[in-house]
Amino acid sequence: MTTDYAFRLYVAGQSERSSTAEANLRALAGARLPGGYELEVVDVVARPGLAEEQRILATPTVVRLLPLPQLRVIGDLSDPPRVAYALDLPDEPQEVRMENRLEREAGDG
């Protein structure tokens, strides 16, 4: 499957912080990229050479590989709007915006 978006998430082992960052990225990409995306998770403990080659200084770090230019965000990715902005992801799909609007309107009635 070919997608327009590809990410590489650098983590350090199987820590809670690593798992949280991966879950947050998957949730955000799933919501914002209806056409799908590719995600590679790299454990810098197991593959320190790759981390060094890519100049990864802290984990977790996500690198948006595609589309170019590459963009990076460091941290657990727990603030979806900021992460989406930093990774230059598209706005929420129209269906999600419509659902949110309908929910707000239903709450007003």
C-alpha atoms as a PDB file:
ATOM      1  CA  MET A   1       0.000   0.000   0.000  1.00  0.00           C
ATOM      2  CA  THR A   2       1.347   3.402  -0.952  1.00  0.00           C
ATOM      3  CA  THR A   3       0.411   6.372   1.182  1.00  0.00           C
ATOM      4  CA  ASP A   4       1.175  10.055   1.122  1.00  0.00           C
ATOM      5  CA  TYR A   5       2.348  10.075   4.739  1.00  0.00           C
ATOM      6  CA  ALA A   6       5.128   8.089   6.362  1.00  0.00           C
ATOM      7  CA  PHE A   7       6.461   8.415   9.894  1.00  0.00           C
ATOM      8  CA  ARG A   8       9.326   6.944  11.884  1.00  0.00           C
ATOM      9  CA  LEU A   9       8.942   6.951  15.651  1.00  0.00           C
ATOM     10  CA  TYR A  10      12.120   6.584  17.687  1.00  0.00           C
ATOM     11  CA  VAL A  11      11.587   5.149  21.174  1.00  0.00           C
ATOM     12  CA  ALA A  12      13.831   3.844  23.944  1.00  0.00           C
ATOM     13  CA  GLY A  13      12.740   0.344  24.847  1.00  0.00           C
ATOM     14  CA  GLN A  14       9.274  -0.788  25.860  1.00  0.00           C
ATOM     15  CA  SER A  15       8.653   1.980  28.394  1.00  0.00           C
ATOM     16  CA  GLU A  16       5.284   3.484  29.216  1.00  0.00           C
ATOM     17  CA  ARG A  17       6.431   6.763  27.619  1.00  0.00           C
ATOM     18  CA  SER A  18       7.303   4.913  24.400  1.00  0.00           C
ATOM     19  CA  SER A  19       3.954   3.108  24.321  1.00  0.00           C
ATOM     20  CA  THR A  20       2.076   6.340  25.018  1.00  0.00           C
ATOM     21  CA  ALA A  21       3.851   8.169  22.207  1.00  0.00           C
ATOM     22  CA  GLU A  22       3.075   5.366  19.747  1.00  0.00           C
ATOM     23  CA  ALA A  23      -0.590   5.215  20.784  1.00  0.00           C
ATOM     24  CA  ASN A  24      -0.923   9.006  20.544  1.00  0.00           C
ATOM     25  CA  LEU A  25       0.659   9.075  17.080  1.00  0.00           C
ATOM     26  CA  ARG A  26      -1.524   6.222  15.810  1.00  0.00           C
ATOM     27  CA  ALA A  27      -4.677   7.925  17.130  1.00  0.00           C
ATOM     28  CA  LEU A  28      -3.757  11.276  15.595  1.00  0.00           C
ATOM     29  CA  ALA A  29      -2.722   9.839  12.226  1.00  0.00           C
ATOM     30  CA  GLY A  30      -5.791   7.620  12.140  1.00  0.00           C
ATOM     31  CA  ALA A  31      -8.046  10.624  12.711  1.00  0.00           C
ATOM     32  CA  ARG A  32      -6.284  13.054  10.387  1.00  0.00           C
ATOM     33  CA  LEU A  33      -5.145  10.786   7.557  1.00  0.00           C
ATOM     34  CA  PRO A  34      -8.143   8.842   6.239  1.00  0.00           C
ATOM     35  CA  GLY A  35      -6.083   7.635   3.267  1.00  0.00           C
ATOM     36  CA  GLY A  36      -3.791   5.787   5.637  1.00  0.00           C
ATOM     37  CA  TYR A  37      -0.175   6.206   6.627  1.00  0.00           C
ATOM     38  CA  GLU A  38       2.974   4.196   7.174  1.00  0.00           C
ATOM     39  CA  LEU A  39       4.603   4.001  10.586  1.00  0.00           C
ATOM     40  CA  GLU A  40       7.930   2.440  11.488  1.00  0.00           C
ATOM     41  CA  VAL A  41       8.818   2.221  15.179  1.00  0.00           C
ATOM     42  CA  VAL A  42      12.556   2.162  15.889  1.00  0.00           C
ATOM     43  CA  ASP A  43      13.892   1.138  19.303  1.00  0.00           C
ATOM     44  CA  VAL A  44      17.095   3.145  19.727  1.00  0.00           C
ATOM     45  CA  VAL A  45      18.296   0.691  22.378  1.00  0.00           C
ATOM     46  CA  ALA A  46      18.213  -2.106  19.809  1.00  0.00           C
ATOM     47  CA  ARG A  47      19.366   0.042  16.858  1.00  0.00           C
ATOM     48  CA  PRO A  48      21.619   2.799  18.251  1.00  0.00           C
ATOM     49  CA  GLY A  49      23.441   3.211  14.933  1.00  0.00           C
ATOM     50  CA  LEU A  50      20.281   4.315  13.140  1.00  0.00           C
ATOM     51  CA  ALA A  51      19.472   6.805  15.892  1.00  0.00           C
ATOM     52  CA  GLU A  52      22.984   8.210  15.719  1.00  0.00           C
ATOM     53  CA  GLU A  53      22.899   8.376  11.913  1.00  0.00           C
ATOM     54  CA  GLN A  54      19.624  10.320  12.043  1.00  0.00           C
ATOM     55  CA  ARG A  55      20.881  12.514  14.915  1.00  0.00           C
ATOM     56  CA  ILE A  56      18.136  11.487  17.299  1.00  0.00           C
ATOM     57  CA  LEU A  57      19.089  13.128  20.585  1.00  0.00           C
ATOM     58  CA  ALA A  58      15.974  12.420  22.653  1.00  0.00           C
ATOM     59  CA  THR A  59      13.139   9.925  22.688  1.00  0.00           C
ATOM     60  CA  PRO A  60      10.403   9.621  21.848  1.00  0.00           C
ATOM     61  CA  THR A  61      10.911  11.503  18.578  1.00  0.00           C
ATOM     62  CA  VAL A  62       8.668  11.212  15.546  1.00  0.00           C
ATOM     63  CA  VAL A  63       9.980  12.098  12.108  1.00  0.00           C
ATOM     64  CA  ARG A  64       7.542  12.756   9.288  1.00  0.00           C
ATOM     65  CA  LEU A  65       9.394  11.193   6.355  1.00  0.00           C
ATOM     66  CA  LEU A  66       6.753  11.914   3.720  1.00  0.00           C
ATOM     67  CA  PRO A  67       5.706  14.255   2.359  1.00  0.00           C
ATOM     68  CA  LEU A  68       8.939  16.209   2.240  1.00  0.00           C
ATOM     69  CA  PRO A  69      10.353  18.187   3.941  1.00  0.00           C
ATOM     70  CA  GLN A  70      11.009  15.956   6.918  1.00  0.00           C
ATOM     71  CA  LEU A  71       9.625  17.313  10.184  1.00  0.00           C
ATOM     72  CA  ARG A  72      10.340  16.249  13.777  1.00  0.00           C
ATOM     73  CA  VAL A  73       8.475  16.371  17.062  1.00  0.00           C
ATOM     74  CA  ILE A  74      10.002  15.302  20.376  1.00  0.00           C
ATOM     75  CA  GLY A  75       7.908  14.116  23.312  1.00  0.00           C
ATOM     76  CA  ASP A  76       4.979  11.845  24.123  1.00  0.00           C
ATOM     77  CA  LEU A  77       2.771  13.526  21.477  1.00  0.00           C
ATOM     78  CA  SER A  78       0.008  14.099  24.053  1.00  0.00           C
ATOM     79  CA  ASP A  79      -1.214  17.436  22.613  1.00  0.00           C
ATOM     80  CA  PRO A  80      -2.881  16.413  19.317  1.00  0.00           C
ATOM     81  CA  PRO A  81      -3.519  19.927  17.934  1.00  0.00           C
ATOM     82  CA  ARG A  82       0.102  20.994  18.522  1.00  0.00           C
ATOM     83  CA  VAL A  83       1.493  17.738  17.136  1.00  0.00           C
ATOM     84  CA  ALA A  84      -0.760  17.956  14.066  1.00  0.00           C
ATOM     85  CA  TYR A  85       0.395  21.536  13.480  1.00  0.00           C
ATOM     86  CA  ALA A  86       4.070  20.667  13.983  1.00  0.00           C
ATOM     87  CA  LEU A  87       3.811  17.699  11.590  1.00  0.00           C
ATOM     88  CA  ASP A  88       1.745  19.777   9.141  1.00  0.00           C
ATOM     89  CA  LEU A  89      -1.096  17.263   9.089  1.00  0.00           C
ATOM     90  CA  PRO A  90      -4.362  18.120   7.366  1.00  0.00           C
ATOM     91  CA  ASP A  91      -7.353  19.286   9.394  1.00  0.00           C
ATOM     92  CA  GLU A  92      -9.752  16.698  10.711  1.00  0.00           C
ATOM     93  CA  PRO A  93     -11.653  14.906   7.938  1.00  0.00           C
ATOM     94  CA  GLN A  94     -14.954  16.530   7.002  1.00  0.00           C
ATOM     95  CA  GLU A  95     -16.932  13.601   8.446  1.00  0.00           C
ATOM     96  CA  VAL A  96     -15.376  14.170  11.864  1.00  0.00           C
ATOM     97  CA  ARG A  97     -16.058  17.915  11.752  1.00  0.00           C
ATOM     98  CA  MET A  98     -19.688  17.203  10.813  1.00  0.00           C
ATOM     99  CA  GLU A  99     -20.087  14.685  13.662  1.00  0.00           C
ATOM    100  CA  ASN A 100     -18.604  17.163  16.140  1.00  0.00           C
ATOM    101  CA  ARG A 101     -20.926  19.925  14.902  1.00  0.00           C
ATOM    102  CA  LEU A 102     -23.981  17.659  15.173  1.00  0.00           C
ATOM    103  CA  GLU A 103     -22.979  16.671  18.718  1.00  0.00           C
ATOM    104  CA  ARG A 104     -22.601  20.331  19.716  1.00  0.00           C
ATOM    105  CA  GLU A 105     -25.970  21.229  18.183  1.00  0.00           C
ATOM    106  CA  ALA A 106     -27.663  18.286  19.915  1.00  0.00           C
ATOM    107  CA  GLY A 107     -26.232  19.497  23.220  1.00  0.00           C
ATOM    108  CA  ASP A 108     -27.704  22.987  22.682  1.00  0.00           C
ATOM    109  CA  GLY A 109     -31.238  21.644  22.270  1.00  0.00           C
END
